[in-house]
């Protein structure tokens, strides 16, 4: 059985004797896939490609994590968009967590602290992280752990001072709601 590679604009199509084996990202796989490769059967070809995919996936994951940190679910979504198999992605994510390249709790702590520096309330932080695909239960635990009521009160005091000059209650209400705060904290 011969492996045939057809190059498209942004992908490589791998065929095994006129039967499609896989569509993969051209940029990531172009240098790794040989032009002429022969296999005894389909099982051998599938095992070869699975190993190749894991190698490429690990390298690409290191590249992404070298640029910035990610939550495992955000990284998983990014890798799925590149047509990697879900089994390979799960395996690599476990490996990265084992090697401490991925630390979800540390990533969420950083994101929550960044939002606090921007004077965002817990609701806005929750919503922003939820949109990135973070599990609700994991998100609630992180907010309880890293977004303390004491910190929220400090931010509330700073915003109160900033909004003292404004007399329009509607404007104040709108500003605070956009920031993700519980309005009872301001109007008590």
Protein backbone atom coordinates (compact mmCIF):
# COMPACT_ATOMS: atom_id res chain seq x y z
CA UNK A 1 0.00 0.00 0.00
CA UNK A 2 1.40 3.34 -1.06
CA UNK A 3 0.89 6.65 0.71
CA UNK A 4 -0.13 9.45 -1.65
CA UNK A 5 0.05 13.09 -0.58
CA UNK A 6 -2.09 15.73 -2.29
CA UNK A 7 -1.28 19.33 -1.40
CA UNK A 8 -4.12 21.82 -1.17
CA UNK A 9 -3.88 25.51 -0.32
CA UNK A 10 -3.89 25.05 3.46
CA UNK A 11 -4.04 21.28 3.95
CA UNK A 12 -2.48 17.98 3.00
CA UNK A 13 -4.69 15.08 2.03
CA UNK A 14 -3.19 11.69 2.73
CA UNK A 15 -4.48 8.75 0.70
CA UNK A 16 -3.67 5.09 1.06
CA UNK A 17 -4.30 3.40 -2.31
CA UNK A 18 -7.06 5.87 -3.29
CA UNK A 19 -8.70 5.71 0.17
CA UNK A 20 -8.46 8.89 2.26
CA UNK A 21 -6.46 8.38 5.45
CA UNK A 22 -6.42 11.90 6.91
CA UNK A 23 -6.60 15.62 6.15
CA UNK A 24 -3.97 17.57 8.07
CA UNK A 25 -2.60 21.09 8.34
CA UNK A 26 -0.12 21.82 5.56
CA UNK A 27 2.18 24.13 7.54
CA UNK A 28 2.61 21.63 10.36
CA UNK A 29 2.91 18.37 8.41
CA UNK A 30 4.53 19.34 5.10
CA UNK A 31 8.12 18.68 6.18
CA UNK A 32 7.22 15.57 8.20
CA UNK A 33 5.26 13.56 5.61
CA UNK A 34 7.50 11.70 3.13
CA UNK A 35 6.69 11.78 -0.60
CA UNK A 36 6.93 8.02 -1.09
CA UNK A 37 6.09 5.69 1.75
CA UNK A 38 4.88 2.10 1.55
CA UNK A 39 2.97 0.08 4.13
CA UNK A 40 2.03 -3.58 4.37
CA UNK A 41 -1.52 -2.89 5.54
CA UNK A 42 -3.86 -0.13 6.67
CA UNK A 43 -3.23 -0.83 10.37
CA UNK A 44 0.49 -0.14 9.95
CA UNK A 45 -0.28 3.11 8.09
CA UNK A 46 -2.73 4.23 10.78
CA UNK A 47 -0.22 3.52 13.56
CA UNK A 48 2.51 5.38 11.64
CA UNK A 49 0.27 8.42 11.15
CA UNK A 50 -0.91 8.40 14.78
CA UNK A 51 2.71 8.51 15.97
CA UNK A 52 3.56 11.23 13.44
CA UNK A 53 0.54 13.25 14.54
CA UNK A 54 1.55 13.00 18.21
CA UNK A 55 5.08 14.19 17.40
CA UNK A 56 3.81 17.17 15.40
CA UNK A 57 1.17 17.93 18.01
CA UNK A 58 3.69 17.93 20.85
CA UNK A 59 6.01 20.26 18.93
CA UNK A 60 3.18 22.62 18.02
CA UNK A 61 1.93 22.61 21.64
CA UNK A 62 5.41 23.52 22.89
CA UNK A 63 5.51 26.32 20.31
CA UNK A 64 2.15 27.72 21.47
CA UNK A 65 3.03 27.41 25.16
CA UNK A 66 6.37 29.11 24.51
CA UNK A 67 4.53 32.17 23.29
CA UNK A 68 2.01 32.39 26.16
CA UNK A 69 0.27 30.23 28.73
CA UNK A 70 -3.05 28.51 28.06
CA UNK A 71 -5.81 26.77 29.97
CA UNK A 72 -6.06 23.14 28.86
CA UNK A 73 -9.55 23.61 27.39
CA UNK A 74 -8.47 26.71 25.43
CA UNK A 75 -5.42 24.86 24.09
CA UNK A 76 -7.57 21.84 23.22
CA UNK A 77 -9.96 24.03 21.19
CA UNK A 78 -7.04 25.63 19.38
CA UNK A 79 -5.60 22.21 18.49
CA UNK A 80 -8.94 20.84 17.30
CA UNK A 81 -9.12 23.74 14.83
CA UNK A 82 -5.87 22.41 13.33
CA UNK A 83 -7.50 19.02 12.55
CA UNK A 84 -5.64 16.96 15.14
CA UNK A 85 -7.47 13.89 16.41
CA UNK A 86 -9.14 14.18 19.81
CA UNK A 87 -7.36 11.08 21.13
CA UNK A 88 -3.94 12.59 20.32
CA UNK A 89 -4.93 15.92 21.85
CA UNK A 90 -6.08 14.30 25.09
CA UNK A 91 -2.86 12.30 25.33
CA UNK A 92 -0.64 15.34 24.71
CA UNK A 93 -2.57 17.53 27.16
CA UNK A 94 -2.11 14.90 29.88
CA UNK A 95 1.60 14.76 29.04
CA UNK A 96 1.90 18.57 29.21
CA UNK A 97 0.12 18.65 32.58
CA UNK A 98 2.38 15.88 33.84
CA UNK A 99 5.45 17.85 32.74
CA UNK A 100 3.94 21.03 34.27
CA UNK A 101 3.75 22.99 31.05
CA UNK A 102 -0.01 23.35 31.61
CA UNK A 103 -1.34 24.48 34.98
CA UNK A 104 -5.02 25.42 34.77
CA UNK A 105 -5.29 26.81 38.29
CA UNK A 106 -2.23 29.04 37.86
CA UNK A 107 -3.57 30.27 34.51
CA UNK A 108 -6.94 31.17 36.03
CA UNK A 109 -5.23 32.92 38.95
CA UNK A 110 -3.28 35.06 36.48
CA UNK A 111 -6.43 35.88 34.48
CA UNK A 112 -8.37 36.85 37.62
CA UNK A 113 -5.53 39.05 38.89
CA UNK A 114 -5.28 40.72 35.49
CA UNK A 115 -9.02 41.47 35.57
CA UNK A 116 -8.72 42.87 39.11
CA UNK A 117 -5.99 45.27 37.94
CA UNK A 118 -8.45 46.48 35.28
CA UNK A 119 -11.09 46.93 38.02
CA UNK A 120 -13.43 44.27 36.68
CA UNK A 121 -15.99 42.66 38.95
CA UNK A 122 -16.42 38.94 39.54
CA UNK A 123 -19.35 38.68 37.12
CA UNK A 124 -17.36 40.08 34.23
CA UNK A 125 -14.38 37.84 35.03
CA UNK A 126 -16.68 34.82 35.17
CA UNK A 127 -18.29 35.71 31.84
CA UNK A 128 -14.98 36.35 30.05
CA UNK A 129 -13.47 33.07 31.20
CA UNK A 130 -16.69 31.16 30.51
CA UNK A 131 -16.62 32.42 26.92
CA UNK A 132 -13.15 30.93 26.55
CA UNK A 133 -14.59 27.50 27.32
CA UNK A 134 -13.65 27.05 30.96
CA UNK A 135 -15.72 24.55 32.96
CA UNK A 136 -18.31 26.32 35.20
CA UNK A 137 -17.47 24.38 38.36
CA UNK A 138 -13.73 24.92 37.91
CA UNK A 139 -14.38 28.61 37.26
CA UNK A 140 -16.52 29.09 40.37
CA UNK A 141 -13.88 27.40 42.53
CA UNK A 142 -11.14 29.64 41.11
CA UNK A 143 -13.20 32.80 41.65
CA UNK A 144 -13.94 31.78 45.23
CA UNK A 145 -10.27 31.10 45.81
CA UNK A 146 -8.65 34.08 44.04
CA UNK A 147 -11.30 36.83 43.92
CA UNK A 148 -11.73 37.59 47.60
CA UNK A 149 -14.47 39.88 48.97
CA UNK A 150 -11.71 42.00 50.52
CA UNK A 151 -10.20 42.69 47.08
CA UNK A 152 -13.64 43.37 45.64
CA UNK A 153 -14.30 45.95 48.37
CA UNK A 154 -11.02 47.73 47.56
CA UNK A 155 -11.97 47.93 43.90
CA UNK A 156 -15.46 49.14 44.84
CA UNK A 157 -13.95 51.93 46.96
CA UNK A 158 -11.67 53.02 44.11
CA UNK A 159 -14.58 53.10 41.68
CA UNK A 160 -16.73 55.04 44.17
CA UNK A 161 -14.03 57.71 44.36
CA UNK A 162 -13.78 57.82 40.59
CA UNK A 163 -17.55 58.18 40.21
CA UNK A 164 -18.06 60.80 42.98
CA UNK A 165 -18.13 63.65 40.49
CA UNK A 166 -20.86 62.03 38.42
CA UNK A 167 -24.35 62.96 39.58
CA UNK A 168 -26.29 60.91 37.03
CA UNK A 169 -27.36 57.64 38.73
CA UNK A 170 -28.14 56.01 35.39
CA UNK A 171 -24.60 56.60 34.17
CA UNK A 172 -23.13 55.20 37.40
CA UNK A 173 -25.43 52.18 37.24
CA UNK A 174 -24.47 51.49 33.61
CA UNK A 175 -20.74 51.83 34.29
CA UNK A 176 -20.79 49.46 37.26
CA UNK A 177 -22.93 46.89 35.52
CA UNK A 178 -20.50 46.84 32.55
CA UNK A 179 -17.67 46.27 35.02
CA UNK A 180 -19.42 43.19 36.44
CA UNK A 181 -20.16 44.33 39.97
CA UNK A 182 -23.09 43.60 42.25
CA UNK A 183 -24.84 46.97 42.47
CA UNK A 184 -25.89 46.45 46.09
CA UNK A 185 -22.19 46.91 46.98
CA UNK A 186 -22.39 50.52 45.80
CA UNK A 187 -25.86 51.55 46.82
CA UNK A 188 -26.12 50.34 50.42
